[in-house]
N, C-alpha and C. Protein backbone atom coordinates (compact mmCIF):
# COMPACT_ATOMS: atom_id res chain seq x y z
N MET A 1 43.71 -24.42 50.30
CA MET A 1 43.81 -25.76 50.87
C MET A 1 45.19 -26.04 51.45
N LYS A 2 46.23 -25.47 50.81
CA LYS A 2 47.60 -25.69 51.32
C LYS A 2 47.71 -25.14 52.74
N PHE A 3 47.15 -23.95 53.00
CA PHE A 3 47.17 -23.36 54.33
C PHE A 3 46.51 -24.30 55.34
N LEU A 4 45.37 -24.88 54.99
CA LEU A 4 44.64 -25.77 55.88
C LEU A 4 45.45 -27.02 56.19
N ARG A 5 46.05 -27.65 55.15
CA ARG A 5 46.86 -28.85 55.37
C ARG A 5 48.06 -28.55 56.26
N GLU A 6 48.76 -27.46 55.99
CA GLU A 6 49.92 -27.09 56.78
C GLU A 6 49.50 -26.81 58.23
N TYR A 7 48.39 -26.14 58.40
CA TYR A 7 47.94 -25.77 59.75
C TYR A 7 47.56 -27.01 60.55
N ILE A 8 46.85 -27.94 59.94
CA ILE A 8 46.51 -29.19 60.64
C ILE A 8 47.77 -29.97 60.99
N ARG A 9 48.72 -30.05 60.07
CA ARG A 9 49.99 -30.73 60.34
C ARG A 9 50.72 -30.09 61.52
N MET A 10 50.78 -28.74 61.55
CA MET A 10 51.42 -28.03 62.62
C MET A 10 50.72 -28.26 63.96
N LEU A 11 49.39 -28.22 63.95
CA LEU A 11 48.64 -28.42 65.19
C LEU A 11 48.85 -29.80 65.77
N LYS A 12 48.95 -30.80 64.90
CA LYS A 12 49.19 -32.18 65.40
C LYS A 12 50.51 -32.25 66.16
N VAL A 13 51.45 -31.45 65.78
CA VAL A 13 52.75 -31.43 66.47
C VAL A 13 52.69 -30.58 67.75
N LYS A 14 52.06 -29.43 67.69
CA LYS A 14 52.13 -28.46 68.79
C LYS A 14 51.01 -28.63 69.84
N ASP A 15 49.91 -29.27 69.50
CA ASP A 15 48.80 -29.38 70.44
C ASP A 15 48.38 -30.83 70.66
N PRO A 16 48.82 -31.40 71.77
CA PRO A 16 48.49 -32.82 72.05
C PRO A 16 46.99 -33.02 72.29
N ALA A 17 46.23 -31.96 72.51
CA ALA A 17 44.80 -32.10 72.73
C ALA A 17 44.02 -32.35 71.44
N LEU A 18 44.64 -32.10 70.28
CA LEU A 18 43.98 -32.30 69.00
C LEU A 18 43.78 -33.77 68.73
N LYS A 19 42.56 -34.19 68.55
CA LYS A 19 42.26 -35.60 68.31
C LYS A 19 41.86 -35.85 66.85
N SER A 20 41.40 -34.80 66.14
CA SER A 20 40.90 -34.96 64.79
C SER A 20 41.25 -33.71 63.99
N GLY A 21 41.57 -33.88 62.71
CA GLY A 21 41.85 -32.75 61.84
C GLY A 21 40.66 -31.79 61.74
N TRP A 22 39.46 -32.32 61.90
CA TRP A 22 38.25 -31.49 61.80
C TRP A 22 38.19 -30.45 62.93
N GLU A 23 38.82 -30.74 64.06
CA GLU A 23 38.79 -29.81 65.19
C GLU A 23 39.43 -28.47 64.88
N VAL A 24 40.27 -28.44 63.84
CA VAL A 24 40.94 -27.17 63.48
C VAL A 24 39.91 -26.09 63.21
N PHE A 25 38.76 -26.44 62.70
CA PHE A 25 37.70 -25.48 62.39
C PHE A 25 37.07 -24.86 63.64
N LEU A 26 37.38 -25.40 64.79
CA LEU A 26 36.88 -24.88 66.08
C LEU A 26 37.94 -24.04 66.79
N TYR A 27 39.18 -24.03 66.34
CA TYR A 27 40.27 -23.33 66.99
C TYR A 27 40.20 -21.83 66.68
N PRO A 28 40.11 -20.96 67.69
CA PRO A 28 40.10 -19.51 67.44
C PRO A 28 41.30 -19.06 66.64
N SER A 29 42.45 -19.63 66.87
CA SER A 29 43.67 -19.26 66.16
C SER A 29 43.50 -19.47 64.65
N PHE A 30 42.90 -20.57 64.26
CA PHE A 30 42.66 -20.85 62.84
C PHE A 30 41.60 -19.91 62.27
N ILE A 31 40.50 -19.75 63.00
CA ILE A 31 39.39 -18.92 62.52
C ILE A 31 39.85 -17.50 62.30
N VAL A 32 40.56 -16.92 63.28
CA VAL A 32 40.99 -15.52 63.12
C VAL A 32 41.98 -15.35 61.99
N GLN A 33 42.76 -16.38 61.71
CA GLN A 33 43.72 -16.26 60.60
C GLN A 33 43.03 -16.30 59.23
N ILE A 34 41.90 -16.95 59.14
CA ILE A 34 41.11 -16.89 57.91
C ILE A 34 40.63 -15.46 57.68
N TYR A 35 40.05 -14.88 58.75
CA TYR A 35 39.61 -13.48 58.67
C TYR A 35 40.80 -12.57 58.37
N TYR A 36 41.93 -12.80 59.04
CA TYR A 36 43.12 -11.98 58.83
C TYR A 36 43.57 -12.03 57.38
N ARG A 37 43.61 -13.20 56.80
CA ARG A 37 44.11 -13.35 55.41
C ARG A 37 43.21 -12.58 54.42
N ILE A 38 41.92 -12.62 54.65
CA ILE A 38 41.00 -11.83 53.81
C ILE A 38 41.26 -10.36 54.03
N ALA A 39 41.33 -9.94 55.31
CA ALA A 39 41.55 -8.53 55.65
C ALA A 39 42.88 -8.03 55.12
N HIS A 40 43.91 -8.84 55.24
CA HIS A 40 45.25 -8.42 54.79
C HIS A 40 45.28 -8.25 53.27
N PHE A 41 44.64 -9.15 52.57
CA PHE A 41 44.54 -9.02 51.10
C PHE A 41 43.86 -7.69 50.74
N LEU A 42 42.76 -7.39 51.39
CA LEU A 42 42.02 -6.16 51.12
C LEU A 42 42.87 -4.96 51.50
N TYR A 43 43.58 -5.02 52.61
CA TYR A 43 44.44 -3.93 53.06
C TYR A 43 45.54 -3.65 52.04
N LEU A 44 46.16 -4.70 51.54
CA LEU A 44 47.21 -4.53 50.54
C LEU A 44 46.69 -3.91 49.25
N HIS A 45 45.41 -4.09 48.97
CA HIS A 45 44.79 -3.50 47.77
C HIS A 45 44.06 -2.20 48.09
N LYS A 46 44.40 -1.63 49.27
CA LYS A 46 43.90 -0.32 49.68
C LYS A 46 42.38 -0.24 49.88
N HIS A 47 41.75 -1.36 50.18
CA HIS A 47 40.34 -1.39 50.54
C HIS A 47 40.26 -1.39 52.08
N TYR A 48 40.62 -0.25 52.67
CA TYR A 48 40.84 -0.18 54.13
C TYR A 48 39.56 -0.42 54.91
N PHE A 49 38.43 0.11 54.48
CA PHE A 49 37.20 -0.10 55.21
C PHE A 49 36.88 -1.59 55.29
N TRP A 50 36.91 -2.26 54.12
CA TRP A 50 36.56 -3.69 54.10
C TRP A 50 37.61 -4.54 54.83
N ALA A 51 38.86 -4.12 54.77
CA ALA A 51 39.90 -4.81 55.53
C ALA A 51 39.58 -4.75 57.01
N ARG A 52 39.25 -3.56 57.49
CA ARG A 52 38.95 -3.40 58.91
C ARG A 52 37.66 -4.13 59.26
N TYR A 53 36.70 -4.16 58.35
CA TYR A 53 35.45 -4.87 58.56
C TYR A 53 35.71 -6.36 58.86
N PHE A 54 36.50 -7.01 58.03
CA PHE A 54 36.81 -8.44 58.24
C PHE A 54 37.68 -8.63 59.48
N SER A 55 38.56 -7.70 59.74
CA SER A 55 39.39 -7.79 60.95
C SER A 55 38.50 -7.74 62.20
N GLU A 56 37.54 -6.80 62.19
CA GLU A 56 36.63 -6.70 63.34
C GLU A 56 35.73 -7.90 63.50
N LYS A 57 35.29 -8.50 62.37
CA LYS A 57 34.49 -9.73 62.46
C LYS A 57 35.29 -10.85 63.12
N GLY A 58 36.56 -10.96 62.73
CA GLY A 58 37.43 -11.97 63.33
C GLY A 58 37.63 -11.73 64.82
N LYS A 59 37.80 -10.46 65.20
CA LYS A 59 37.98 -10.13 66.62
C LYS A 59 36.75 -10.47 67.42
N ARG A 60 35.58 -10.12 66.89
CA ARG A 60 34.35 -10.39 67.61
C ARG A 60 34.08 -11.89 67.77
N LYS A 61 34.45 -12.65 66.78
CA LYS A 61 34.21 -14.10 66.81
C LYS A 61 35.20 -14.81 67.73
N THR A 62 36.44 -14.31 67.86
CA THR A 62 37.49 -15.07 68.56
C THR A 62 38.11 -14.37 69.77
N GLY A 63 37.96 -13.07 69.89
CA GLY A 63 38.64 -12.33 70.95
C GLY A 63 40.10 -12.05 70.66
N ILE A 64 40.51 -12.32 69.41
CA ILE A 64 41.88 -12.06 68.98
C ILE A 64 41.86 -10.91 67.97
N GLU A 65 42.64 -9.86 68.23
CA GLU A 65 42.65 -8.70 67.35
C GLU A 65 43.95 -8.65 66.56
N ILE A 66 43.82 -8.81 65.27
CA ILE A 66 45.00 -8.71 64.36
C ILE A 66 44.67 -7.60 63.38
N HIS A 67 45.50 -6.54 63.41
CA HIS A 67 45.30 -5.46 62.45
C HIS A 67 45.57 -5.98 61.05
N PRO A 68 44.75 -5.59 60.07
CA PRO A 68 44.94 -6.11 58.70
C PRO A 68 46.27 -5.72 58.06
N GLY A 69 46.94 -4.72 58.61
CA GLY A 69 48.25 -4.32 58.06
C GLY A 69 49.39 -5.15 58.58
N ALA A 70 49.19 -5.92 59.64
CA ALA A 70 50.24 -6.75 60.20
C ALA A 70 50.68 -7.80 59.16
N THR A 71 51.94 -8.23 59.27
CA THR A 71 52.44 -9.26 58.36
C THR A 71 52.71 -10.53 59.17
N ILE A 72 52.09 -11.62 58.76
CA ILE A 72 52.18 -12.87 59.51
C ILE A 72 52.67 -13.99 58.60
N GLY A 73 53.70 -14.71 59.05
CA GLY A 73 54.25 -15.83 58.30
C GLY A 73 53.41 -17.09 58.45
N LYS A 74 54.02 -18.22 58.15
CA LYS A 74 53.32 -19.51 58.18
C LYS A 74 53.27 -20.06 59.62
N ASN A 75 52.20 -20.78 59.88
CA ASN A 75 52.06 -21.60 61.08
C ASN A 75 52.09 -20.84 62.39
N LEU A 76 51.49 -19.64 62.44
CA LEU A 76 51.31 -18.95 63.71
C LEU A 76 50.27 -19.75 64.50
N PHE A 77 50.62 -20.10 65.75
CA PHE A 77 49.67 -20.82 66.61
C PHE A 77 49.43 -19.97 67.83
N ILE A 78 48.19 -19.49 67.98
CA ILE A 78 47.80 -18.70 69.16
C ILE A 78 47.01 -19.64 70.07
N ASP A 79 47.69 -20.15 71.07
CA ASP A 79 47.09 -21.14 71.97
C ASP A 79 46.14 -20.45 72.94
N HIS A 80 44.93 -20.88 72.97
CA HIS A 80 43.87 -20.36 73.83
C HIS A 80 43.46 -18.93 73.51
N GLY A 81 44.06 -18.34 72.51
CA GLY A 81 43.72 -17.13 71.81
C GLY A 81 43.24 -15.87 72.47
N SER A 82 42.34 -15.90 73.31
CA SER A 82 41.63 -14.74 73.82
C SER A 82 42.55 -13.58 74.25
N CYS A 83 42.11 -12.36 73.92
CA CYS A 83 42.79 -11.13 74.32
C CYS A 83 44.16 -10.92 73.72
N VAL A 84 44.45 -11.50 72.59
CA VAL A 84 45.70 -11.23 71.86
C VAL A 84 45.50 -10.01 71.00
N VAL A 85 46.50 -9.13 70.97
CA VAL A 85 46.47 -7.92 70.14
C VAL A 85 47.74 -7.86 69.32
N ILE A 86 47.61 -7.75 67.99
CA ILE A 86 48.74 -7.65 67.09
C ILE A 86 48.57 -6.37 66.27
N GLY A 87 49.48 -5.42 66.46
CA GLY A 87 49.38 -4.09 65.85
C GLY A 87 49.69 -4.05 64.36
N GLU A 88 49.37 -2.91 63.77
CA GLU A 88 49.43 -2.70 62.33
C GLU A 88 50.80 -2.98 61.70
N THR A 89 51.88 -2.54 62.33
CA THR A 89 53.19 -2.70 61.69
C THR A 89 53.97 -3.88 62.25
N ALA A 90 53.28 -4.73 63.02
CA ALA A 90 53.95 -5.95 63.53
C ALA A 90 54.26 -6.90 62.39
N ILE A 91 55.39 -7.59 62.56
CA ILE A 91 55.79 -8.62 61.58
C ILE A 91 56.06 -9.88 62.40
N ILE A 92 55.43 -10.98 61.98
CA ILE A 92 55.58 -12.26 62.68
C ILE A 92 56.12 -13.27 61.68
N GLY A 93 57.21 -13.93 62.05
CA GLY A 93 57.81 -14.93 61.17
C GLY A 93 57.06 -16.25 61.20
N ASP A 94 57.72 -17.31 60.78
CA ASP A 94 57.14 -18.64 60.69
C ASP A 94 57.25 -19.38 62.02
N ASN A 95 56.29 -20.27 62.27
CA ASN A 95 56.31 -21.21 63.39
C ASN A 95 56.39 -20.53 64.74
N VAL A 96 55.67 -19.43 64.89
CA VAL A 96 55.62 -18.71 66.17
C VAL A 96 54.46 -19.27 66.99
N VAL A 97 54.70 -19.47 68.29
CA VAL A 97 53.66 -19.89 69.24
C VAL A 97 53.43 -18.74 70.20
N MET A 98 52.17 -18.36 70.31
CA MET A 98 51.79 -17.23 71.15
C MET A 98 50.68 -17.71 72.06
N HIS A 99 50.71 -17.40 73.33
CA HIS A 99 49.67 -17.78 74.26
C HIS A 99 48.69 -16.62 74.48
N HIS A 100 47.64 -16.88 75.23
CA HIS A 100 46.60 -15.86 75.41
C HIS A 100 47.11 -14.59 76.10
N GLY A 101 46.45 -13.49 75.77
CA GLY A 101 46.74 -12.23 76.43
C GLY A 101 47.99 -11.51 75.94
N VAL A 102 48.62 -11.98 74.87
CA VAL A 102 49.83 -11.35 74.35
C VAL A 102 49.48 -10.07 73.60
N THR A 103 50.33 -9.05 73.78
CA THR A 103 50.20 -7.82 73.02
C THR A 103 51.50 -7.55 72.27
N LEU A 104 51.37 -7.32 70.96
CA LEU A 104 52.48 -6.83 70.15
C LEU A 104 52.08 -5.39 69.82
N GLY A 105 52.49 -4.45 70.68
CA GLY A 105 51.97 -3.10 70.60
C GLY A 105 53.00 -2.05 70.29
N GLY A 106 52.51 -0.87 70.00
CA GLY A 106 53.37 0.26 69.69
C GLY A 106 53.52 1.16 70.91
N VAL A 107 54.55 2.00 70.89
CA VAL A 107 54.76 2.94 71.99
C VAL A 107 54.79 4.37 71.50
N VAL A 108 54.66 4.57 70.19
CA VAL A 108 54.59 5.92 69.63
C VAL A 108 53.41 5.96 68.67
N ASP A 109 52.97 7.16 68.37
CA ASP A 109 51.81 7.30 67.52
C ASP A 109 52.18 7.95 66.16
N THR A 110 53.18 7.40 65.54
CA THR A 110 53.59 7.88 64.22
C THR A 110 53.13 6.91 63.15
N LYS A 111 53.31 7.29 61.90
CA LYS A 111 52.94 6.40 60.80
C LYS A 111 54.05 5.40 60.47
N SER A 112 55.19 5.54 61.12
CA SER A 112 56.33 4.67 60.80
C SER A 112 56.18 3.30 61.49
N LYS A 113 57.17 2.44 61.34
CA LYS A 113 57.18 1.12 61.99
C LYS A 113 57.20 1.34 63.50
N ARG A 114 56.18 0.86 64.19
CA ARG A 114 56.07 1.12 65.62
C ARG A 114 55.74 -0.11 66.44
N HIS A 115 55.61 -1.27 65.77
CA HIS A 115 55.30 -2.53 66.47
C HIS A 115 56.46 -3.49 66.32
N PRO A 116 56.52 -4.53 67.13
CA PRO A 116 57.64 -5.48 67.09
C PRO A 116 57.70 -6.36 65.86
N THR A 117 58.90 -6.86 65.63
CA THR A 117 59.13 -7.90 64.64
C THR A 117 59.47 -9.17 65.42
N ILE A 118 58.76 -10.24 65.18
CA ILE A 118 58.99 -11.51 65.84
C ILE A 118 59.51 -12.46 64.78
N GLU A 119 60.73 -12.92 64.95
CA GLU A 119 61.32 -13.80 63.95
C GLU A 119 60.84 -15.26 64.13
N ASP A 120 61.35 -16.16 63.31
CA ASP A 120 60.89 -17.56 63.27
C ASP A 120 61.15 -18.29 64.59
N ASN A 121 60.23 -19.22 64.87
CA ASN A 121 60.36 -20.19 65.97
C ASN A 121 60.42 -19.57 67.36
N VAL A 122 59.75 -18.44 67.54
CA VAL A 122 59.71 -17.76 68.83
C VAL A 122 58.49 -18.29 69.62
N MET A 123 58.66 -18.41 70.93
CA MET A 123 57.53 -18.79 71.81
C MET A 123 57.30 -17.61 72.74
N ILE A 124 56.04 -17.16 72.81
CA ILE A 124 55.68 -16.05 73.66
C ILE A 124 54.62 -16.50 74.67
N GLY A 125 54.97 -16.40 75.95
CA GLY A 125 54.11 -16.85 77.04
C GLY A 125 52.90 -15.96 77.27
N ALA A 126 51.95 -16.48 78.02
CA ALA A 126 50.68 -15.79 78.30
C ALA A 126 50.91 -14.40 78.89
N HIS A 127 50.15 -13.45 78.43
CA HIS A 127 50.13 -12.07 78.93
C HIS A 127 51.44 -11.32 78.79
N ALA A 128 52.32 -11.78 77.93
CA ALA A 128 53.54 -11.03 77.64
C ALA A 128 53.19 -9.82 76.82
N GLN A 129 53.91 -8.72 77.05
CA GLN A 129 53.72 -7.50 76.32
C GLN A 129 55.04 -7.19 75.62
N ILE A 130 55.03 -7.12 74.31
CA ILE A 130 56.23 -6.81 73.53
C ILE A 130 55.92 -5.52 72.82
N LEU A 131 56.64 -4.46 73.17
CA LEU A 131 56.22 -3.13 72.80
C LEU A 131 57.30 -2.36 72.03
N GLY A 132 56.90 -1.71 70.94
CA GLY A 132 57.78 -0.83 70.21
C GLY A 132 58.39 -1.49 68.99
N ASN A 133 59.17 -0.70 68.27
CA ASN A 133 59.84 -1.18 67.07
C ASN A 133 61.12 -1.92 67.46
N ILE A 134 60.93 -3.12 67.96
CA ILE A 134 62.06 -3.96 68.38
C ILE A 134 61.98 -5.29 67.67
N VAL A 135 63.05 -6.09 67.79
CA VAL A 135 63.11 -7.41 67.15
C VAL A 135 63.33 -8.48 68.20
N VAL A 136 62.49 -9.50 68.19
CA VAL A 136 62.71 -10.71 68.96
C VAL A 136 63.27 -11.71 67.96
N HIS A 137 64.55 -12.02 68.13
CA HIS A 137 65.24 -12.82 67.13
C HIS A 137 64.88 -14.32 67.26
N LYS A 138 65.28 -15.08 66.26
CA LYS A 138 64.91 -16.49 66.10
C LYS A 138 65.11 -17.30 67.38
N ASN A 139 64.19 -18.22 67.58
CA ASN A 139 64.27 -19.24 68.64
C ASN A 139 64.25 -18.69 70.05
N ALA A 140 63.87 -17.41 70.22
CA ALA A 140 63.80 -16.83 71.58
C ALA A 140 62.55 -17.31 72.28
N LYS A 141 62.58 -17.23 73.59
CA LYS A 141 61.42 -17.57 74.42
C LYS A 141 61.17 -16.40 75.34
N ILE A 142 59.90 -15.95 75.35
CA ILE A 142 59.47 -14.84 76.20
C ILE A 142 58.54 -15.44 77.27
N GLY A 143 58.91 -15.29 78.52
CA GLY A 143 58.15 -15.87 79.61
C GLY A 143 56.81 -15.18 79.84
N ALA A 144 55.90 -15.91 80.44
CA ALA A 144 54.57 -15.38 80.76
C ALA A 144 54.68 -14.13 81.59
N GLY A 145 53.88 -13.13 81.25
CA GLY A 145 53.81 -11.90 82.02
C GLY A 145 54.97 -10.94 81.79
N SER A 146 55.87 -11.27 80.89
CA SER A 146 57.04 -10.42 80.66
C SER A 146 56.64 -9.15 79.90
N ILE A 147 57.44 -8.10 80.12
CA ILE A 147 57.29 -6.86 79.38
C ILE A 147 58.61 -6.65 78.69
N VAL A 148 58.59 -6.67 77.37
CA VAL A 148 59.82 -6.59 76.56
C VAL A 148 59.85 -5.26 75.83
N LEU A 149 60.92 -4.46 76.10
CA LEU A 149 61.03 -3.12 75.57
C LEU A 149 62.30 -2.92 74.73
N ASP A 150 63.03 -4.01 74.50
CA ASP A 150 64.28 -3.93 73.76
C ASP A 150 64.47 -5.18 72.94
N ASN A 151 65.37 -5.12 71.96
CA ASN A 151 65.66 -6.29 71.13
C ASN A 151 66.04 -7.49 71.97
N VAL A 152 65.64 -8.67 71.53
CA VAL A 152 65.96 -9.93 72.21
C VAL A 152 66.86 -10.76 71.30
N ASP A 153 67.97 -11.21 71.82
CA ASP A 153 68.94 -11.98 71.05
C ASP A 153 68.39 -13.34 70.64
N GLU A 154 68.97 -13.88 69.58
CA GLU A 154 68.63 -15.23 69.13
C GLU A 154 68.87 -16.24 70.23
N ASN A 155 67.95 -17.18 70.39
CA ASN A 155 68.02 -18.26 71.37
C ASN A 155 67.94 -17.82 72.83
N ALA A 156 67.63 -16.55 73.09
CA ALA A 156 67.56 -16.05 74.47
C ALA A 156 66.22 -16.45 75.10
N THR A 157 66.24 -16.47 76.43
CA THR A 157 65.03 -16.65 77.22
C THR A 157 64.87 -15.43 78.09
N ILE A 158 63.74 -14.76 78.00
CA ILE A 158 63.51 -13.51 78.71
C ILE A 158 62.32 -13.69 79.67
N VAL A 159 62.50 -13.23 80.92
CA VAL A 159 61.40 -13.23 81.89
C VAL A 159 61.43 -11.88 82.61
N GLY A 160 60.27 -11.43 83.04
CA GLY A 160 60.18 -10.15 83.77
C GLY A 160 60.19 -8.98 82.82
N VAL A 161 60.65 -7.84 83.32
CA VAL A 161 60.75 -6.63 82.54
C VAL A 161 62.12 -6.60 81.88
N TYR A 162 62.14 -6.45 80.56
CA TYR A 162 63.41 -6.53 79.82
C TYR A 162 63.65 -5.26 79.03
N LYS A 163 64.64 -4.50 79.47
CA LYS A 163 65.12 -3.33 78.74
C LYS A 163 66.61 -3.26 79.00
N LYS A 164 67.39 -3.32 77.93
CA LYS A 164 68.85 -3.26 78.09
C LYS A 164 69.25 -1.92 78.69
N ARG A 165 70.29 -1.95 79.49
CA ARG A 165 70.79 -0.72 80.10
C ARG A 165 71.48 0.14 79.08
N GLN A 166 71.27 1.42 79.18
CA GLN A 166 71.93 2.38 78.29
C GLN A 166 73.38 2.52 78.70
N LYS A 167 74.28 2.59 77.70
CA LYS A 167 75.71 2.71 78.01
C LYS A 167 76.10 4.15 78.19
């Protein structure tokens, strides 16, 4: 119940279209996070088949794919949800806003950490691709359609293709 109360409170702040607390049950972002929390619990207890089963049910119902191994903090809001992909080793902090079409993907096929870490209060625009074992630090903003291949500083705004130059 605490998750539900916090989520409704957060939505009232972040989504001016919300007219009633009951509408939260229609939001793909909320629905997929219920499936994710079940899947993540099962994943942590090494019930990998059932974890993937619930993850796939959430994906089919919402169009949002969250691997059960991903770590997600409080109040993730996926606005308009569809076609979001969050990889197995991704870590997402608190109060992150993500728009449709975002990918938090890997660039190597090893068992190690290969997906991004998104710290607290980050905003990620539609169709942004954040790839690899990188960190998007607190309060950063990633513009729509951006491709991020390197760490992003705290409070930075990134647009376009972002990879720091090698020295």
